[in-house]
PDB file of all heavy atoms in Angstrom:
ATOM      1  N   GLY A   1       0.816  -1.203   0.000  1.00  0.00           N
ATOM      2  CA  GLY A   1       0.000   0.000   0.000  1.00  0.00           C
ATOM      3  C   GLY A   1       0.851   1.254   0.000  1.00  0.00           C
ATOM      4  O   GLY A   1       2.045   1.217   0.318  1.00  0.00           O
ATOM      5  N   CYS A   2       0.218   2.362  -0.387  1.00  0.00           N
ATOM      6  CA  CYS A   2       0.898   3.656  -0.360  1.00  0.00           C
ATOM      7  C   CYS A   2      -0.147   4.765  -0.334  1.00  0.00           C
ATOM      8  O   CYS A   2      -1.320   4.542  -0.617  1.00  0.00           O
ATOM      9  CB  CYS A   2       1.828   3.822  -1.568  1.00  0.00           C
ATOM     10  SG  CYS A   2       0.990   3.957  -3.161  1.00  0.00           S
ATOM     11  N   VAL A   3       0.315   5.955   0.016  1.00  0.00           N
ATOM     12  CA  VAL A   3      -0.531   7.142  -0.024  1.00  0.00           C
ATOM     13  C   VAL A   3       0.365   8.350  -0.273  1.00  0.00           C
ATOM     14  O   VAL A   3       1.460   8.452   0.278  1.00  0.00           O
ATOM     15  CB  VAL A   3      -1.369   7.309   1.266  1.00  0.00           C
ATOM     16  CG1 VAL A   3      -0.491   7.520   2.493  1.00  0.00           C
ATOM     17  CG2 VAL A   3      -2.390   8.436   1.108  1.00  0.00           C
ATOM     18  N   TYR A   4      -0.115   9.250  -1.119  1.00  0.00           N
ATOM     19  CA  TYR A   4       0.592  10.488  -1.444  1.00  0.00           C
ATOM     20  C   TYR A   4       0.066  11.596  -0.548  1.00  0.00           C
ATOM     21  O   TYR A   4      -1.159  11.775  -0.403  1.00  0.00           O
ATOM     22  CB  TYR A   4       0.341  10.844  -2.915  1.00  0.00           C
ATOM     23  CG  TYR A   4       0.922  12.170  -3.338  1.00  0.00           C
ATOM     24  CD1 TYR A   4       2.285  12.317  -3.515  1.00  0.00           C
ATOM     25  CD2 TYR A   4       0.106  13.264  -3.570  1.00  0.00           C
ATOM     26  CE1 TYR A   4       2.833  13.537  -3.913  1.00  0.00           C
ATOM     27  CE2 TYR A   4       0.631  14.486  -3.970  1.00  0.00           C
ATOM     28  CZ  TYR A   4       1.996  14.605  -4.137  1.00  0.00           C
ATOM     29  OH  TYR A   4       2.533  15.817  -4.527  1.00  0.00           O
ATOM     30  N   LEU A   5       0.977  12.349   0.059  1.00  0.00           N
ATOM     31  CA  LEU A   5       0.618  13.470   0.932  1.00  0.00           C
ATOM     32  C   LEU A   5       1.372  14.710   0.487  1.00  0.00           C
ATOM     33  O   LEU A   5       2.576  14.650   0.242  1.00  0.00           O
ATOM     34  CB  LEU A   5       0.990  13.147   2.385  1.00  0.00           C
ATOM     35  CG  LEU A   5       0.385  11.872   2.962  1.00  0.00           C
ATOM     36  CD1 LEU A   5       0.967  11.592   4.334  1.00  0.00           C
ATOM     37  CD2 LEU A   5      -1.127  11.963   3.000  1.00  0.00           C
ATOM     38  N   GLU A   6       0.660  15.843   0.401  1.00  0.00           N
ATOM     39  CA  GLU A   6       1.301  17.088  -0.002  1.00  0.00           C
ATOM     40  C   GLU A   6       0.737  18.252   0.805  1.00  0.00           C
ATOM     41  O   GLU A   6      -0.485  18.418   0.909  1.00  0.00           O
ATOM     42  CB  GLU A   6       1.072  17.355  -1.494  1.00  0.00           C
ATOM     43  CG  GLU A   6       1.747  18.613  -1.980  1.00  0.00           C
ATOM     44  CD  GLU A   6       1.564  18.867  -3.469  1.00  0.00           C
ATOM     45  OE1 GLU A   6       1.022  18.007  -4.180  1.00  0.00           O
ATOM     46  OE2 GLU A   6       1.968  19.956  -3.907  1.00  0.00           O
ATOM     47  N   MET A   7       1.627  19.046   1.365  1.00  0.00           N
ATOM     48  CA  MET A   7       1.212  20.256   2.071  1.00  0.00           C
ATOM     49  C   MET A   7       0.718  21.278   1.051  1.00  0.00           C
ATOM     50  O   MET A   7       1.415  21.564   0.082  1.00  0.00           O
ATOM     51  CB  MET A   7       2.370  20.851   2.871  1.00  0.00           C
ATOM     52  CG  MET A   7       2.766  20.047   4.100  1.00  0.00           C
ATOM     53  SD  MET A   7       1.449  19.869   5.334  1.00  0.00           S
ATOM     54  CE  MET A   7       1.092  21.575   5.744  1.00  0.00           C
ATOM     55  N   LYS A   8      -0.476  21.788   1.276  1.00  0.00           N
ATOM     56  CA  LYS A   8      -1.046  22.843   0.440  1.00  0.00           C
ATOM     57  C   LYS A   8      -1.597  23.890   1.384  1.00  0.00           C
ATOM     58  O   LYS A   8      -2.703  23.749   1.904  1.00  0.00           O
ATOM     59  CB  LYS A   8      -2.133  22.291  -0.489  1.00  0.00           C
ATOM     60  CG  LYS A   8      -1.571  21.347  -1.542  1.00  0.00           C
ATOM     61  CD  LYS A   8      -2.594  20.998  -2.597  1.00  0.00           C
ATOM     62  CE  LYS A   8      -1.939  20.180  -3.692  1.00  0.00           C
ATOM     63  NZ  LYS A   8      -2.815  19.979  -4.833  1.00  0.00           N
ATOM     64  N   GLY A   9      -0.800  24.906   1.626  1.00  0.00           N
ATOM     65  CA  GLY A   9      -1.186  25.922   2.604  1.00  0.00           C
ATOM     66  C   GLY A   9      -1.215  25.305   3.989  1.00  0.00           C
ATOM     67  O   GLY A   9      -0.257  24.658   4.417  1.00  0.00           O
ATOM     68  N   ASN A  10      -2.350  25.467   4.696  1.00  0.00           N
ATOM     69  CA  ASN A  10      -2.507  24.902   6.038  1.00  0.00           C
ATOM     70  C   ASN A  10      -3.144  23.520   6.022  1.00  0.00           C
ATOM     71  O   ASN A  10      -3.478  22.982   7.075  1.00  0.00           O
ATOM     72  CB  ASN A  10      -3.354  25.844   6.913  1.00  0.00           C
ATOM     73  CG  ASN A  10      -2.616  27.132   7.205  1.00  0.00           C
ATOM     74  OD1 ASN A  10      -1.419  27.115   7.471  1.00  0.00           O
ATOM     75  ND2 ASN A  10      -3.330  28.239   7.152  1.00  0.00           N
ATOM     76  N   ASP A  11      -3.383  22.973   4.837  1.00  0.00           N
ATOM     77  CA  ASP A  11      -4.024  21.674   4.710  1.00  0.00           C
ATOM     78  C   ASP A  11      -3.058  20.648   4.151  1.00  0.00           C
ATOM     79  O   ASP A  11      -2.080  20.983   3.473  1.00  0.00           O
ATOM     80  CB  ASP A  11      -5.246  21.757   3.784  1.00  0.00           C
ATOM     81  CG  ASP A  11      -6.374  22.587   4.363  1.00  0.00           C
ATOM     82  OD1 ASP A  11      -6.397  22.808   5.595  1.00  0.00           O
ATOM     83  OD2 ASP A  11      -7.244  23.008   3.585  1.00  0.00           O
ATOM     84  N   LEU A  12      -3.359  19.387   4.425  1.00  0.00           N
ATOM     85  CA  LEU A  12      -2.605  18.277   3.863  1.00  0.00           C
ATOM     86  C   LEU A  12      -3.481  17.637   2.796  1.00  0.00           C
ATOM     87  O   LEU A  12      -4.609  17.214   3.089  1.00  0.00           O
ATOM     88  CB  LEU A  12      -2.255  17.258   4.952  1.00  0.00           C
ATOM     89  CG  LEU A  12      -1.376  16.091   4.531  1.00  0.00           C
ATOM     90  CD1 LEU A  12       0.029  16.584   4.153  1.00  0.00           C
ATOM     91  CD2 LEU A  12      -1.293  15.055   5.635  1.00  0.00           C
ATOM     92  N   TYR A  13      -2.994  17.606   1.559  1.00  0.00           N
ATOM     93  CA  TYR A  13      -3.719  16.952   0.471  1.00  0.00           C
ATOM     94  C   TYR A  13      -3.345  15.476   0.475  1.00  0.00           C
ATOM     95  O   TYR A  13      -2.168  15.121   0.541  1.00  0.00           O
ATOM     96  CB  TYR A  13      -3.382  17.580  -0.882  1.00  0.00           C
ATOM     97  CG  TYR A  13      -4.027  16.835  -2.021  1.00  0.00           C
ATOM     98  CD1 TYR A  13      -5.374  17.044  -2.328  1.00  0.00           C
ATOM     99  CD2 TYR A  13      -3.318  15.900  -2.752  1.00  0.00           C
ATOM    100  CE1 TYR A  13      -5.978  16.335  -3.352  1.00  0.00           C
ATOM    101  CE2 TYR A  13      -3.921  15.186  -3.779  1.00  0.00           C
ATOM    102  CZ  TYR A  13      -5.253  15.405  -4.074  1.00  0.00           C
ATOM    103  OH  TYR A  13      -5.857  14.694  -5.076  1.00  0.00           O
ATOM    104  N   LEU A  14      -4.346  14.618   0.403  1.00  0.00           N
ATOM    105  CA  LEU A  14      -4.152  13.176   0.379  1.00  0.00           C
ATOM    106  C   LEU A  14      -4.595  12.654  -0.977  1.00  0.00           C
ATOM    107  O   LEU A  14      -5.698  12.959  -1.438  1.00  0.00           O
ATOM    108  CB  LEU A  14      -4.978  12.532   1.496  1.00  0.00           C
ATOM    109  CG  LEU A  14      -4.867  11.033   1.704  1.00  0.00           C
ATOM    110  CD1 LEU A  14      -5.070  10.706   3.177  1.00  0.00           C
ATOM    111  CD2 LEU A  14      -5.847  10.252   0.859  1.00  0.00           C
ATOM    112  N   GLY A  15      -3.747  11.888  -1.624  1.00  0.00           N
ATOM    113  CA  GLY A  15      -4.101  11.315  -2.917  1.00  0.00           C
ATOM    114  C   GLY A  15      -3.463   9.951  -3.100  1.00  0.00           C
ATOM    115  O   GLY A  15      -2.614   9.520  -2.321  1.00  0.00           O
ATOM    116  N   MET A  16      -3.886   9.271  -4.133  1.00  0.00           N
ATOM    117  CA  MET A  16      -3.296   8.007  -4.553  1.00  0.00           C
ATOM    118  C   MET A  16      -3.253   6.981  -3.409  1.00  0.00           C
ATOM    119  O   MET A  16      -2.310   6.209  -3.294  1.00  0.00           O
ATOM    120  CB  MET A  16      -1.889   8.246  -5.132  1.00  0.00           C
ATOM    121  CG  MET A  16      -1.398   7.165  -6.050  1.00  0.00           C
ATOM    122  SD  MET A  16       0.174   7.606  -6.838  1.00  0.00           S
ATOM    123  CE  MET A  16       1.312   7.607  -5.453  1.00  0.00           C
ATOM    124  N   LEU A  17      -4.286   6.979  -2.561  1.00  0.00           N
ATOM    125  CA  LEU A  17      -4.362   5.940  -1.531  1.00  0.00           C
ATOM    126  C   LEU A  17      -4.561   4.612  -2.246  1.00  0.00           C
ATOM    127  O   LEU A  17      -5.541   4.428  -2.964  1.00  0.00           O
ATOM    128  CB  LEU A  17      -5.514   6.213  -0.559  1.00  0.00           C
ATOM    129  CG  LEU A  17      -5.696   5.181   0.539  1.00  0.00           C
ATOM    130  CD1 LEU A  17      -4.516   5.202   1.500  1.00  0.00           C
ATOM    131  CD2 LEU A  17      -6.979   5.428   1.297  1.00  0.00           C
ATOM    132  N   THR A  18      -3.602   3.728  -2.087  1.00  0.00           N
ATOM    133  CA  THR A  18      -3.567   2.489  -2.863  1.00  0.00           C
ATOM    134  C   THR A  18      -3.306   1.305  -1.961  1.00  0.00           C
ATOM    135  O   THR A  18      -2.421   1.351  -1.110  1.00  0.00           O
ATOM    136  CB  THR A  18      -2.422   2.557  -3.905  1.00  0.00           C
ATOM    137  OG1 THR A  18      -2.551   3.749  -4.677  1.00  0.00           O
ATOM    138  CG2 THR A  18      -2.430   1.351  -4.816  1.00  0.00           C
ATOM    139  N   VAL A  19      -4.076   0.243  -2.179  1.00  0.00           N
ATOM    140  CA  VAL A  19      -3.820  -1.037  -1.531  1.00  0.00           C
ATOM    141  C   VAL A  19      -3.868  -2.107  -2.612  1.00  0.00           C
ATOM    142  O   VAL A  19      -4.765  -2.100  -3.465  1.00  0.00           O
ATOM    143  CB  VAL A  19      -4.855  -1.335  -0.421  1.00  0.00           C
ATOM    144  CG1 VAL A  19      -4.622  -2.715   0.187  1.00  0.00           C
ATOM    145  CG2 VAL A  19      -4.810  -0.262   0.659  1.00  0.00           C
ATOM    146  N   SER A  20      -2.907  -3.003  -2.590  1.00  0.00           N
ATOM    147  CA  SER A  20      -2.864  -4.097  -3.553  1.00  0.00           C
ATOM    148  C   SER A  20      -4.220  -4.808  -3.586  1.00  0.00           C
ATOM    149  O   SER A  20      -4.799  -5.086  -2.531  1.00  0.00           O
ATOM    150  CB  SER A  20      -1.776  -5.096  -3.159  1.00  0.00           C
ATOM    151  OG  SER A  20      -1.871  -6.273  -3.912  1.00  0.00           O
ATOM    152  N   PRO A  21      -4.761  -5.117  -4.775  1.00  0.00           N
ATOM    153  CA  PRO A  21      -6.057  -5.794  -4.845  1.00  0.00           C
ATOM    154  C   PRO A  21      -6.113  -7.075  -4.010  1.00  0.00           C
ATOM    155  O   PRO A  21      -7.140  -7.373  -3.404  1.00  0.00           O
ATOM    156  CB  PRO A  21      -6.230  -6.095  -6.338  1.00  0.00           C
ATOM    157  CG  PRO A  21      -5.421  -5.042  -7.017  1.00  0.00           C
ATOM    158  CD  PRO A  21      -4.238  -4.801  -6.109  1.00  0.00           C
ATOM    159  N   GLU A  22      -5.018  -7.809  -3.939  1.00  0.00           N
ATOM    160  CA  GLU A  22      -4.987  -9.051  -3.168  1.00  0.00           C
ATOM    161  C   GLU A  22      -4.978  -8.811  -1.661  1.00  0.00           C
ATOM    162  O   GLU A  22      -5.247  -9.726  -0.883  1.00  0.00           O
ATOM    163  CB  GLU A  22      -3.763  -9.897  -3.548  1.00  0.00           C
ATOM    164  CG  GLU A  22      -3.797 -10.462  -4.951  1.00  0.00           C
ATOM    165  CD  GLU A  22      -3.331  -9.478  -6.019  1.00  0.00           C
ATOM    166  OE1 GLU A  22      -2.751  -8.427  -5.672  1.00  0.00           O
ATOM    167  OE2 GLU A  22      -3.577  -9.749  -7.210  1.00  0.00           O
ATOM    168  N   ALA A  23      -4.652  -7.599  -1.231  1.00  0.00           N
ATOM    169  CA  ALA A  23      -4.540  -7.305   0.200  1.00  0.00           C
ATOM    170  C   ALA A  23      -5.647  -6.383   0.700  1.00  0.00           C
ATOM    171  O   ALA A  23      -5.594  -5.931   1.846  1.00  0.00           O
ATOM    172  CB  ALA A  23      -3.166  -6.692   0.483  1.00  0.00           C
ATOM    173  N   GLN A  24      -6.649  -6.100  -0.133  1.00  0.00           N
ATOM    174  CA  GLN A  24      -7.715  -5.193   0.287  1.00  0.00           C
ATOM    175  C   GLN A  24      -8.616  -5.865   1.325  1.00  0.00           C
ATOM    176  O   GLN A  24      -8.663  -7.080   1.434  1.00  0.00           O
ATOM    177  CB  GLN A  24      -8.511  -4.727  -0.929  1.00  0.00           C
ATOM    178  CG  GLN A  24      -7.694  -3.799  -1.792  1.00  0.00           C
ATOM    179  CD  GLN A  24      -8.429  -3.264  -3.000  1.00  0.00           C
ATOM    180  OE1 GLN A  24      -9.638  -3.394  -3.125  1.00  0.00           O
ATOM    181  NE2 GLN A  24      -7.683  -2.660  -3.902  1.00  0.00           N
ATOM    182  N   ALA A  25      -9.298  -5.029   2.100  1.00  0.00           N
ATOM    183  CA  ALA A  25     -10.217  -5.452   3.168  1.00  0.00           C
ATOM    184  C   ALA A  25      -9.467  -6.093   4.340  1.00  0.00           C
ATOM    185  O   ALA A  25     -10.032  -6.903   5.061  1.00  0.00           O
ATOM    186  CB  ALA A  25     -11.306  -6.381   2.626  1.00  0.00           C
ATOM    187  N   LYS A  26      -8.204  -5.713   4.533  1.00  0.00           N
ATOM    188  CA  LYS A  26      -7.418  -6.214   5.667  1.00  0.00           C
ATOM    189  C   LYS A  26      -6.977  -5.077   6.583  1.00  0.00           C
ATOM    190  O   LYS A  26      -6.110  -5.267   7.426  1.00  0.00           O
ATOM    191  CB  LYS A  26      -6.192  -6.975   5.151  1.00  0.00           C
ATOM    192  CG  LYS A  26      -6.551  -8.232   4.391  1.00  0.00           C
ATOM    193  CD  LYS A  26      -5.315  -8.967   3.926  1.00  0.00           C
ATOM    194  CE  LYS A  26      -5.715 -10.212   3.159  1.00  0.00           C
ATOM    195  NZ  LYS A  26      -4.552 -10.939   2.657  1.00  0.00           N
ATOM    196  N   GLY A  27      -7.518  -3.869   6.376  1.00  0.00           N
ATOM    197  CA  GLY A  27      -7.201  -2.748   7.254  1.00  0.00           C
ATOM    198  C   GLY A  27      -6.006  -1.915   6.835  1.00  0.00           C
ATOM    199  O   GLY A  27      -5.647  -0.970   7.531  1.00  0.00           O
ATOM    200  N   ILE A  28      -5.397  -2.227   5.708  1.00  0.00           N
ATOM    201  CA  ILE A  28      -4.217  -1.473   5.267  1.00  0.00           C
ATOM    202  C   ILE A  28      -4.599  -0.045   4.898  1.00  0.00           C
ATOM    203  O   ILE A  28      -3.898   0.902   5.262  1.00  0.00           O
ATOM    204  CB  ILE A  28      -3.515  -2.199   4.101  1.00  0.00           C
ATOM    205  CG1 ILE A  28      -2.966  -3.542   4.596  1.00  0.00           C
ATOM    206  CG2 ILE A  28      -2.405  -1.328   3.505  1.00  0.00           C
ATOM    207  CD1 ILE A  28      -2.454  -4.456   3.487  1.00  0.00           C
ATOM    208  N   GLY A  29      -5.697   0.137   4.197  1.00  0.00           N
ATOM    209  CA  GLY A  29      -6.150   1.483   3.841  1.00  0.00           C
ATOM    210  C   GLY A  29      -6.407   2.328   5.081  1.00  0.00           C
ATOM    211  O   GLY A  29      -6.035   3.508   5.137  1.00  0.00           O
ATOM    212  N   LYS A  30      -7.025   1.731   6.089  1.00  0.00           N
ATOM    213  CA  LYS A  30      -7.275   2.451   7.342  1.00  0.00           C
ATOM    214  C   LYS A  30      -5.960   2.854   8.000  1.00  0.00           C
ATOM    215  O   LYS A  30      -5.835   3.959   8.522  1.00  0.00           O
ATOM    216  CB  LYS A  30      -8.083   1.578   8.304  1.00  0.00           C
ATOM    217  CG  LYS A  30      -9.514   1.356   7.887  1.00  0.00           C
ATOM    218  CD  LYS A  30     -10.199   0.418   8.850  1.00  0.00           C
ATOM    219  CE  LYS A  30     -11.492  -0.094   8.244  1.00  0.00           C
ATOM    220  NZ  LYS A  30     -12.058  -1.208   9.000  1.00  0.00           N
ATOM    221  N   GLN A  31      -4.966   1.962   7.976  1.00  0.00           N
ATOM    222  CA  GLN A  31      -3.675   2.294   8.576  1.00  0.00           C
ATOM    223  C   GLN A  31      -2.984   3.424   7.823  1.00  0.00           C
ATOM    224  O   GLN A  31      -2.365   4.295   8.434  1.00  0.00           O
ATOM    225  CB  GLN A  31      -2.778   1.048   8.613  1.00  0.00           C
ATOM    226  CG  GLN A  31      -3.268   0.036   9.629  1.00  0.00           C
ATOM    227  CD  GLN A  31      -2.335  -1.138   9.761  1.00  0.00           C
ATOM    228  OE1 GLN A  31      -1.142  -0.947   9.987  1.00  0.00           O
ATOM    229  NE2 GLN A  31      -2.864  -2.343   9.621  1.00  0.00           N
ATOM    230  N   LEU A  32      -3.101   3.422   6.501  1.00  0.00           N
ATOM    231  CA  LEU A  32      -2.534   4.514   5.710  1.00  0.00           C
ATOM    232  C   LEU A  32      -3.220   5.836   6.051  1.00  0.00           C
ATOM    233  O   LEU A  32      -2.568   6.876   6.190  1.00  0.00           O
ATOM    234  CB  LEU A  32      -2.639   4.206   4.216  1.00  0.00           C
ATOM    235  CG  LEU A  32      -1.687   3.117   3.700  1.00  0.00           C
ATOM    236  CD1 LEU A  32      -2.167   2.574   2.364  1.00  0.00           C
ATOM    237  CD2 LEU A  32      -0.270   3.654   3.590  1.00  0.00           C
ATOM    238  N   LEU A  33      -4.545   5.817   6.201  1.00  0.00           N
ATOM    239  CA  LEU A  33      -5.282   7.034   6.580  1.00  0.00           C
ATOM    240  C   LEU A  33      -4.875   7.517   7.965  1.00  0.00           C
ATOM    241  O   LEU A  33      -4.683   8.718   8.172  1.00  0.00           O
ATOM    242  CB  LEU A  33      -6.794   6.773   6.574  1.00  0.00           C
ATOM    243  CG  LEU A  33      -7.561   7.005   5.298  1.00  0.00           C
ATOM    244  CD1 LEU A  33      -9.055   6.804   5.538  1.00  0.00           C
ATOM    245  CD2 LEU A  33      -7.300   8.360   4.705  1.00  0.00           C
ATOM    246  N   LEU A  34      -4.743   6.601   8.917  1.00  0.00           N
ATOM    247  CA  LEU A  34      -4.325   6.988  10.271  1.00  0.00           C
ATOM    248  C   LEU A  34      -2.935   7.599  10.265  1.00  0.00           C
ATOM    249  O   LEU A  34      -2.682   8.581  10.974  1.00  0.00           O
ATOM    250  CB  LEU A  34      -4.384   5.787  11.208  1.00  0.00           C
ATOM    251  CG  LEU A  34      -5.782   5.324  11.593  1.00  0.00           C
ATOM    252  CD1 LEU A  34      -5.711   4.006  12.356  1.00  0.00           C
ATOM    253  CD2 LEU A  34      -6.514   6.379  12.402  1.00  0.00           C
ATOM    254  N   ALA A  35      -2.033   7.040   9.464  1.00  0.00           N
ATOM    255  CA  ALA A  35      -0.684   7.612   9.362  1.00  0.00           C
ATOM    256  C   ALA A  35      -0.749   9.023   8.787  1.00  0.00           C
ATOM    257  O   ALA A  35      -0.056   9.925   9.258  1.00  0.00           O
ATOM    258  CB  ALA A  35       0.208   6.712   8.500  1.00  0.00           C
TER     259      ALA A  35
END
């Protein structure tokens, strides 16, 4: 999995949140969001 983060002013832009199709529904996306 991976996620792109970019500072834009006072906000953090989040993009390209990706989890391998074989590993989806195992909480990886949630962990990326929490990070």
